[in-house]
Amino acid sequence: MEIKTKRGFTLIELLVVIAIIGILSSVVLASLNTARLKSRDTRRVADIKQLQLALALYFDSNGAYPTSLGPLKPTYIATLPSDPLTSGAANLCSAGTESGCYKYSALGSGTTCSSYHLGATLEDGTNQALNSDVDAAAGTACTGSAADFAGTDPVYDVKP
């Protein structure tokens, strides 16, 4: 007498395995999104530092800061950086523009710009970079330069 055994998985076993895979993938995707957010904020801080260096080089050559970031390229910086969430051209703010872009405002009197505010809105309000920024107060903008740094967004703000 031969005994035939059925080989294979039952429907219940397959459903349990699919459920476990689904739970594991959702946990991995949730942590991946957090890592992406942190990497975008890290890039924003690095871009601001790069712009800050280009502004220092411009000031050394010209004795004043530019009213916009346009004159920095290509002599002081190869290309103007853009926010990681926006592709293409540099996403630079002017007065009244929504958050999610790099903000620049030259400060001084008339067309003589002796200082500036430069910042980026970060997605993570607990980012450590926010502890080391200057949280610059508004000043008198040079002729042709203004950016809105007000609001509740966590703005990484630097000055010279």
N, C-alpha and C. Protein backbone atom coordinates (compact mmCIF):
# COMPACT_ATOMS: atom_id res chain seq x y z
N MET A 1 0.81 -1.17 0.00
CA MET A 1 0.00 0.00 0.00
C MET A 1 0.88 1.26 0.00
N GLU A 2 0.67 2.11 -0.96
CA GLU A 2 1.42 3.34 -1.07
C GLU A 2 0.63 4.49 -0.46
N ILE A 3 1.34 5.33 0.31
CA ILE A 3 0.70 6.51 0.89
C ILE A 3 1.16 7.73 0.08
N LYS A 4 0.19 8.42 -0.46
CA LYS A 4 0.50 9.63 -1.22
C LYS A 4 0.35 10.84 -0.30
N THR A 5 1.39 11.64 -0.23
CA THR A 5 1.32 12.87 0.56
C THR A 5 1.24 14.05 -0.40
N LYS A 6 0.45 14.99 -0.03
CA LYS A 6 0.32 16.21 -0.84
C LYS A 6 1.42 17.18 -0.45
N ARG A 7 2.09 17.71 -1.43
CA ARG A 7 3.13 18.69 -1.18
C ARG A 7 2.61 20.07 -1.53
N GLY A 8 3.06 21.09 -0.76
CA GLY A 8 2.64 22.45 -1.03
C GLY A 8 2.24 23.15 0.26
N PHE A 9 1.87 24.40 0.11
CA PHE A 9 1.48 25.21 1.25
C PHE A 9 -0.03 25.36 1.27
N THR A 10 -0.55 25.51 2.47
CA THR A 10 -1.99 25.74 2.58
C THR A 10 -2.25 27.22 2.37
N LEU A 11 -3.46 27.58 2.15
CA LEU A 11 -3.86 28.96 1.94
C LEU A 11 -3.54 29.80 3.18
N ILE A 12 -3.76 29.29 4.35
CA ILE A 12 -3.48 30.00 5.60
C ILE A 12 -1.98 30.30 5.71
N GLU A 13 -1.14 29.35 5.40
CA GLU A 13 0.31 29.56 5.48
C GLU A 13 0.75 30.66 4.51
N LEU A 14 0.21 30.66 3.32
CA LEU A 14 0.55 31.69 2.34
C LEU A 14 0.10 33.07 2.81
N LEU A 15 -1.09 33.17 3.37
CA LEU A 15 -1.60 34.45 3.86
C LEU A 15 -0.76 34.98 5.03
N VAL A 16 -0.32 34.10 5.91
CA VAL A 16 0.53 34.52 7.03
C VAL A 16 1.85 35.07 6.51
N VAL A 17 2.46 34.39 5.57
CA VAL A 17 3.74 34.84 5.00
C VAL A 17 3.57 36.20 4.30
N ILE A 18 2.51 36.37 3.54
CA ILE A 18 2.25 37.64 2.85
C ILE A 18 2.04 38.76 3.87
N ALA A 19 1.33 38.49 4.95
CA ALA A 19 1.10 39.50 5.99
C ALA A 19 2.42 39.91 6.65
N ILE A 20 3.29 38.96 6.93
CA ILE A 20 4.57 39.27 7.55
C ILE A 20 5.44 40.11 6.61
N ILE A 21 5.46 39.76 5.35
CA ILE A 21 6.23 40.53 4.37
C ILE A 21 5.68 41.95 4.27
N GLY A 22 4.38 42.11 4.30
CA GLY A 22 3.76 43.43 4.23
C GLY A 22 4.13 44.29 5.43
N ILE A 23 4.12 43.72 6.62
CA ILE A 23 4.48 44.46 7.82
C ILE A 23 5.94 44.88 7.79
N LEU A 24 6.81 43.97 7.41
CA LEU A 24 8.24 44.29 7.33
C LEU A 24 8.53 45.38 6.29
N SER A 25 7.87 45.31 5.15
CA SER A 25 8.12 46.33 4.12
C SER A 25 7.62 47.70 4.55
N SER A 26 6.52 47.77 5.28
CA SER A 26 6.03 49.07 5.73
C SER A 26 6.96 49.68 6.77
N VAL A 27 7.57 48.86 7.62
CA VAL A 27 8.54 49.36 8.60
C VAL A 27 9.78 49.89 7.89
N VAL A 28 10.25 49.18 6.89
CA VAL A 28 11.43 49.60 6.14
C VAL A 28 11.15 50.90 5.39
N LEU A 29 10.00 51.02 4.76
CA LEU A 29 9.67 52.24 4.02
C LEU A 29 9.53 53.44 4.94
N ALA A 30 8.98 53.24 6.14
CA ALA A 30 8.84 54.34 7.09
C ALA A 30 10.21 54.87 7.51
N SER A 31 11.15 53.98 7.79
CA SER A 31 12.48 54.43 8.18
C SER A 31 13.24 55.02 7.00
N LEU A 32 12.97 54.55 5.80
CA LEU A 32 13.61 55.10 4.61
C LEU A 32 13.15 56.54 4.37
N ASN A 33 11.88 56.83 4.60
CA ASN A 33 11.39 58.20 4.43
C ASN A 33 12.05 59.14 5.41
N THR A 34 12.28 58.70 6.64
CA THR A 34 12.97 59.53 7.62
C THR A 34 14.40 59.80 7.18
N ALA A 35 15.05 58.80 6.64
CA ALA A 35 16.42 58.97 6.16
C ALA A 35 16.47 59.95 4.98
N ARG A 36 15.50 59.88 4.11
CA ARG A 36 15.44 60.82 2.98
C ARG A 36 15.26 62.25 3.46
N LEU A 37 14.38 62.46 4.43
CA LEU A 37 14.14 63.79 4.98
C LEU A 37 15.43 64.35 5.58
N LYS A 38 16.13 63.54 6.35
CA LYS A 38 17.38 64.00 6.96
C LYS A 38 18.45 64.29 5.92
N SER A 39 18.50 63.50 4.87
CA SER A 39 19.50 63.75 3.83
C SER A 39 19.20 65.04 3.07
N ARG A 40 17.91 65.33 2.84
CA ARG A 40 17.56 66.60 2.17
C ARG A 40 17.96 67.79 3.05
N ASP A 41 17.72 67.69 4.35
CA ASP A 41 18.10 68.78 5.24
C ASP A 41 19.62 68.94 5.31
N THR A 42 20.34 67.84 5.29
CA THR A 42 21.81 67.90 5.29
C THR A 42 22.31 68.59 4.03
N ARG A 43 21.67 68.30 2.91
CA ARG A 43 22.07 68.95 1.66
C ARG A 43 21.77 70.45 1.71
N ARG A 44 20.63 70.81 2.30
CA ARG A 44 20.30 72.24 2.42
C ARG A 44 21.34 72.98 3.24
N VAL A 45 21.76 72.41 4.36
CA VAL A 45 22.77 73.04 5.20
C VAL A 45 24.09 73.15 4.44
N ALA A 46 24.47 72.11 3.71
CA ALA A 46 25.70 72.14 2.92
C ALA A 46 25.62 73.20 1.81
N ASP A 47 24.46 73.32 1.18
CA ASP A 47 24.28 74.34 0.14
C ASP A 47 24.43 75.75 0.71
N ILE A 48 23.86 75.96 1.90
CA ILE A 48 23.96 77.28 2.54
C ILE A 48 25.41 77.59 2.87
N LYS A 49 26.15 76.60 3.36
CA LYS A 49 27.57 76.80 3.66
C LYS A 49 28.35 77.12 2.38
N GLN A 50 28.00 76.46 1.28
CA GLN A 50 28.65 76.71 0.00
C GLN A 50 28.36 78.14 -0.47
N LEU A 51 27.11 78.57 -0.36
CA LEU A 51 26.75 79.94 -0.73
C LEU A 51 27.44 80.96 0.18
N GLN A 52 27.55 80.62 1.46
CA GLN A 52 28.21 81.51 2.40
C GLN A 52 29.68 81.71 2.03
N LEU A 53 30.35 80.65 1.60
CA LEU A 53 31.73 80.75 1.17
C LEU A 53 31.84 81.60 -0.11
N ALA A 54 30.94 81.40 -1.05
CA ALA A 54 30.95 82.20 -2.28
C ALA A 54 30.71 83.67 -1.98
N LEU A 55 29.83 83.96 -1.03
CA LEU A 55 29.58 85.36 -0.64
C LEU A 55 30.82 85.98 0.00
N ALA A 56 31.56 85.20 0.80
CA ALA A 56 32.79 85.71 1.41
C ALA A 56 33.83 86.03 0.33
N LEU A 57 33.95 85.16 -0.67
CA LEU A 57 34.88 85.42 -1.78
C LEU A 57 34.47 86.67 -2.55
N TYR A 58 33.17 86.84 -2.80
CA TYR A 58 32.66 88.03 -3.50
C TYR A 58 32.98 89.29 -2.70
N PHE A 59 32.75 89.22 -1.38
CA PHE A 59 33.02 90.39 -0.52
C PHE A 59 34.50 90.75 -0.54
N ASP A 60 35.38 89.75 -0.50
CA ASP A 60 36.81 90.02 -0.54
C ASP A 60 37.22 90.71 -1.83
N SER A 61 36.57 90.36 -2.93
CA SER A 61 36.91 90.96 -4.23
C SER A 61 36.28 92.32 -4.45
N ASN A 62 35.06 92.54 -3.92
CA ASN A 62 34.30 93.74 -4.25
C ASN A 62 34.07 94.69 -3.08
N GLY A 63 34.35 94.29 -1.87
CA GLY A 63 34.17 95.18 -0.72
C GLY A 63 32.73 95.33 -0.25
N ALA A 64 31.81 94.62 -0.86
CA ALA A 64 30.40 94.65 -0.46
C ALA A 64 29.75 93.37 -0.95
N TYR A 65 28.59 93.06 -0.38
CA TYR A 65 27.86 91.86 -0.79
C TYR A 65 26.91 92.21 -1.94
N PRO A 66 26.60 91.25 -2.81
CA PRO A 66 25.67 91.53 -3.92
C PRO A 66 24.23 91.65 -3.41
N THR A 67 23.39 92.34 -4.17
CA THR A 67 21.98 92.49 -3.78
C THR A 67 21.19 91.22 -4.07
N SER A 68 21.73 90.38 -4.96
CA SER A 68 21.12 89.07 -5.25
C SER A 68 22.26 88.07 -5.41
N LEU A 69 21.92 86.80 -5.50
CA LEU A 69 22.96 85.77 -5.62
C LEU A 69 23.42 85.56 -7.07
N GLY A 70 22.75 86.18 -8.01
CA GLY A 70 23.09 86.02 -9.42
C GLY A 70 24.53 86.35 -9.77
N PRO A 71 25.10 87.45 -9.25
CA PRO A 71 26.48 87.81 -9.60
C PRO A 71 27.54 86.82 -9.10
N LEU A 72 27.17 85.88 -8.26
CA LEU A 72 28.16 84.93 -7.73
C LEU A 72 28.64 83.93 -8.78
N LYS A 73 27.77 83.61 -9.73
CA LYS A 73 28.16 82.59 -10.70
C LYS A 73 28.63 83.23 -11.99
N PRO A 74 29.55 82.71 -12.68
CA PRO A 74 30.34 81.50 -12.46
C PRO A 74 31.66 81.76 -11.74
N THR A 75 31.95 83.03 -11.39
CA THR A 75 33.26 83.35 -10.82
C THR A 75 33.47 82.79 -9.42
N TYR A 76 32.45 82.92 -8.56
CA TYR A 76 32.63 82.53 -7.16
C TYR A 76 31.98 81.19 -6.80
N ILE A 77 31.06 80.75 -7.63
CA ILE A 77 30.42 79.44 -7.46
C ILE A 77 30.02 78.96 -8.85
N ALA A 78 30.24 77.70 -9.15
CA ALA A 78 29.98 77.20 -10.51
C ALA A 78 28.51 77.34 -10.89
N THR A 79 27.63 76.85 -10.05
CA THR A 79 26.19 76.98 -10.27
C THR A 79 25.52 77.25 -8.93
N LEU A 80 24.43 77.97 -8.97
CA LEU A 80 23.69 78.21 -7.74
C LEU A 80 22.94 76.94 -7.36
N PRO A 81 23.08 76.50 -6.11
CA PRO A 81 22.41 75.27 -5.70
C PRO A 81 20.90 75.44 -5.65
N SER A 82 20.19 74.33 -5.82
CA SER A 82 18.73 74.37 -5.73
C SER A 82 18.26 73.46 -4.61
N ASP A 83 17.11 73.74 -4.08
CA ASP A 83 16.53 72.94 -3.00
C ASP A 83 16.34 71.51 -3.49
N PRO A 84 16.59 70.50 -2.64
CA PRO A 84 16.48 69.10 -3.06
C PRO A 84 15.07 68.69 -3.52
N LEU A 85 14.06 69.37 -3.05
CA LEU A 85 12.69 69.02 -3.47
C LEU A 85 12.30 69.65 -4.80
N THR A 86 13.10 70.62 -5.26
CA THR A 86 12.81 71.25 -6.54
C THR A 86 13.94 70.93 -7.50
N SER A 87 13.62 70.45 -8.65
CA SER A 87 14.66 70.14 -9.62
C SER A 87 14.76 71.27 -10.62
N GLY A 88 15.90 71.34 -11.26
CA GLY A 88 16.08 72.36 -12.28
C GLY A 88 16.82 73.56 -11.74
N ALA A 89 16.35 74.74 -12.07
CA ALA A 89 17.04 75.98 -11.74
C ALA A 89 17.03 76.22 -10.23
N ALA A 90 17.92 77.08 -9.80
CA ALA A 90 18.02 77.42 -8.38
C ALA A 90 16.70 77.99 -7.89
N ASN A 91 16.29 77.55 -6.73
CA ASN A 91 15.02 77.99 -6.16
C ASN A 91 15.32 79.02 -5.08
N LEU A 92 15.47 80.27 -5.48
CA LEU A 92 15.82 81.33 -4.56
C LEU A 92 14.59 82.19 -4.28
N CYS A 93 14.41 82.52 -3.01
CA CYS A 93 13.22 83.27 -2.60
C CYS A 93 13.43 84.76 -2.73
N SER A 94 12.34 85.45 -2.88
CA SER A 94 12.32 86.89 -2.72
C SER A 94 11.20 87.18 -1.73
N ALA A 95 10.97 88.43 -1.45
CA ALA A 95 9.97 88.79 -0.45
C ALA A 95 8.61 88.22 -0.82
N GLY A 96 7.95 87.61 0.16
CA GLY A 96 6.61 87.08 -0.05
C GLY A 96 6.54 85.71 -0.67
N THR A 97 7.68 85.08 -0.95
CA THR A 97 7.68 83.76 -1.58
C THR A 97 7.45 82.70 -0.52
N GLU A 98 6.81 81.60 -0.91
CA GLU A 98 6.51 80.53 0.04
C GLU A 98 7.78 79.84 0.52
N SER A 99 7.64 79.04 1.58
CA SER A 99 8.79 78.33 2.13
C SER A 99 9.22 77.22 1.19
N GLY A 100 10.37 76.62 1.48
CA GLY A 100 10.87 75.53 0.65
C GLY A 100 11.89 75.98 -0.36
N CYS A 101 12.51 77.14 -0.13
CA CYS A 101 13.53 77.62 -1.04
C CYS A 101 14.63 78.30 -0.24
N TYR A 102 15.74 78.61 -0.88
CA TYR A 102 16.83 79.29 -0.22
C TYR A 102 16.53 80.79 -0.21
N LYS A 103 16.74 81.41 0.94
CA LYS A 103 16.40 82.83 1.10
C LYS A 103 17.67 83.64 1.26
N TYR A 104 17.72 84.77 0.59
CA TYR A 104 18.88 85.65 0.68
C TYR A 104 18.40 87.09 0.71
N SER A 105 18.99 87.85 1.62
CA SER A 105 18.69 89.27 1.70
C SER A 105 19.97 90.00 2.06
N ALA A 106 20.40 90.93 1.20
CA ALA A 106 21.58 91.73 1.49
C ALA A 106 21.16 92.89 2.37
N LEU A 107 21.98 93.20 3.37
CA LEU A 107 21.64 94.25 4.33
C LEU A 107 22.66 95.37 4.27
N GLY A 108 22.18 96.58 4.51
CA GLY A 108 23.04 97.75 4.50
C GLY A 108 22.22 98.99 4.24
N SER A 109 22.85 100.01 3.69
CA SER A 109 22.12 101.24 3.37
C SER A 109 22.33 101.56 1.89
N GLY A 110 21.25 101.90 1.23
CA GLY A 110 21.31 102.20 -0.20
C GLY A 110 21.76 100.99 -1.00
N THR A 111 22.81 101.18 -1.80
CA THR A 111 23.32 100.07 -2.59
C THR A 111 24.59 99.46 -1.96
N THR A 112 25.01 99.98 -0.80
CA THR A 112 26.17 99.44 -0.11
C THR A 112 25.71 98.34 0.83
N CYS A 113 26.00 97.11 0.47
CA CYS A 113 25.54 95.96 1.25
C CYS A 113 26.69 95.45 2.11
N SER A 114 26.60 95.68 3.41
CA SER A 114 27.69 95.33 4.31
C SER A 114 27.44 94.02 5.07
N SER A 115 26.26 93.44 4.91
CA SER A 115 25.93 92.20 5.60
C SER A 115 24.84 91.48 4.80
N TYR A 116 24.42 90.33 5.28
CA TYR A 116 23.35 89.58 4.61
C TYR A 116 22.72 88.59 5.57
N HIS A 117 21.56 88.12 5.19
CA HIS A 117 20.91 86.95 5.81
C HIS A 117 20.79 85.92 4.71
N LEU A 118 21.10 84.68 5.03
CA LEU A 118 21.01 83.58 4.09
C LEU A 118 20.42 82.41 4.83
N GLY A 119 19.40 81.79 4.26
CA GLY A 119 18.77 80.70 4.99
C GLY A 119 18.04 79.72 4.10
N ALA A 120 17.65 78.61 4.73
CA ALA A 120 16.88 77.57 4.07
C ALA A 120 15.88 77.01 5.07
N THR A 121 14.69 76.69 4.60
CA THR A 121 13.69 76.08 5.46
C THR A 121 13.95 74.58 5.54
N LEU A 122 14.14 74.08 6.74
CA LEU A 122 14.40 72.66 6.95
C LEU A 122 13.09 71.93 7.22
N GLU A 123 13.03 70.67 6.81
CA GLU A 123 11.83 69.87 7.02
C GLU A 123 11.74 69.33 8.44
N ASP A 124 12.88 69.07 9.05
CA ASP A 124 12.94 68.50 10.39
C ASP A 124 13.18 69.61 11.40
N GLY A 125 12.17 69.91 12.20
CA GLY A 125 12.29 70.98 13.19
C GLY A 125 13.23 70.67 14.33
N THR A 126 13.68 69.42 14.45
CA THR A 126 14.61 69.05 15.51
C THR A 126 16.04 68.87 14.99
N ASN A 127 16.32 69.33 13.78
CA ASN A 127 17.64 69.19 13.20
C ASN A 127 18.67 69.91 14.06
N GLN A 128 19.82 69.26 14.28
CA GLN A 128 20.87 69.82 15.14
C GLN A 128 21.46 71.12 14.57
N ALA A 129 21.38 71.31 13.27
CA ALA A 129 21.92 72.53 12.66
C ALA A 129 21.18 73.77 13.15
N LEU A 130 19.92 73.61 13.54
CA LEU A 130 19.14 74.74 14.04
C LEU A 130 19.68 75.25 15.37
N ASN A 131 20.44 74.43 16.09
CA ASN A 131 21.03 74.86 17.35
C ASN A 131 22.26 75.73 17.14
N SER A 132 22.87 75.66 15.96
CA SER A 132 24.11 76.41 15.71
C SER A 132 23.93 77.58 14.75
N ASP A 133 22.71 77.80 14.26
CA ASP A 133 22.52 78.93 13.35
C ASP A 133 22.38 80.22 14.15
N VAL A 134 22.32 81.36 13.46
CA VAL A 134 22.35 82.65 14.14
C VAL A 134 20.96 83.21 14.44
N ASP A 135 19.92 82.69 13.83
CA ASP A 135 18.57 83.23 14.01
C ASP A 135 18.60 84.75 13.89
N ALA A 136 19.07 85.21 12.75
CA ALA A 136 19.29 86.63 12.52
C ALA A 136 17.98 87.41 12.54
N ALA A 137 18.03 88.57 13.15
CA ALA A 137 16.88 89.46 13.17
C ALA A 137 16.84 90.25 11.87
N ALA A 138 15.68 90.74 11.54
CA ALA A 138 15.52 91.52 10.31
C ALA A 138 16.36 92.79 10.40
N GLY A 139 16.86 93.22 9.27
CA GLY A 139 17.64 94.44 9.20
C GLY A 139 17.17 95.26 8.01
N THR A 140 17.87 96.32 7.72
CA THR A 140 17.53 97.18 6.60
C THR A 140 18.12 96.57 5.33
N ALA A 141 17.25 96.22 4.42
CA ALA A 141 17.70 95.58 3.18
C ALA A 141 18.29 96.62 2.24
N CYS A 142 19.31 96.22 1.49
CA CYS A 142 19.89 97.08 0.46
C CYS A 142 18.87 97.29 -0.64
N THR A 143 19.07 98.32 -1.42
CA THR A 143 18.19 98.58 -2.55
C THR A 143 18.18 97.39 -3.49
N GLY A 144 17.00 96.84 -3.77
CA GLY A 144 16.85 95.71 -4.69
C GLY A 144 17.02 94.36 -4.04
N SER A 145 17.07 94.30 -2.71
CA SER A 145 17.26 93.02 -2.04
C SER A 145 16.33 92.89 -0.86
N ALA A 146 15.58 91.79 -0.80
CA ALA A 146 14.72 91.51 0.36
C ALA A 146 14.26 90.08 0.30
N ALA A 147 14.19 89.44 1.46
CA ALA A 147 13.63 88.10 1.57
C ALA A 147 12.91 88.01 2.91
N ASP A 148 11.83 87.29 2.93
CA ASP A 148 11.02 87.16 4.13
C ASP A 148 11.52 85.99 4.97
N PHE A 149 12.07 86.28 6.14
CA PHE A 149 12.56 85.24 7.03
C PHE A 149 11.59 84.97 8.16
N ALA A 150 10.44 85.62 8.14
CA ALA A 150 9.45 85.44 9.20
C ALA A 150 8.68 84.15 8.96
N GLY A 151 7.97 83.70 9.99
CA GLY A 151 7.15 82.51 9.85
C GLY A 151 7.47 81.48 10.91
N THR A 152 6.73 80.42 10.91
CA THR A 152 6.90 79.40 11.94
C THR A 152 7.78 78.25 11.45
N ASP A 153 8.18 78.23 10.20
CA ASP A 153 9.02 77.16 9.68
C ASP A 153 10.38 77.19 10.34
N PRO A 154 11.02 76.06 10.54
CA PRO A 154 12.38 76.06 11.08
C PRO A 154 13.36 76.48 10.00
N VAL A 155 13.87 77.71 10.09
CA VAL A 155 14.77 78.25 9.09
C VAL A 155 16.20 78.20 9.61
N TYR A 156 17.08 77.56 8.85
CA TYR A 156 18.51 77.57 9.14
C TYR A 156 19.03 78.87 8.57
N ASP A 157 19.46 79.80 9.41
CA ASP A 157 19.79 81.17 9.02
C ASP A 157 21.23 81.48 9.40
N VAL A 158 21.99 82.02 8.46
CA VAL A 158 23.38 82.38 8.72
C VAL A 158 23.64 83.82 8.31
N LYS A 159 24.69 84.38 8.87
CA LYS A 159 25.17 85.73 8.54
C LYS A 159 26.67 85.64 8.36
N PRO A 160 27.30 86.72 7.83
CA PRO A 160 28.76 86.69 7.69
C PRO A 160 29.45 86.67 9.05
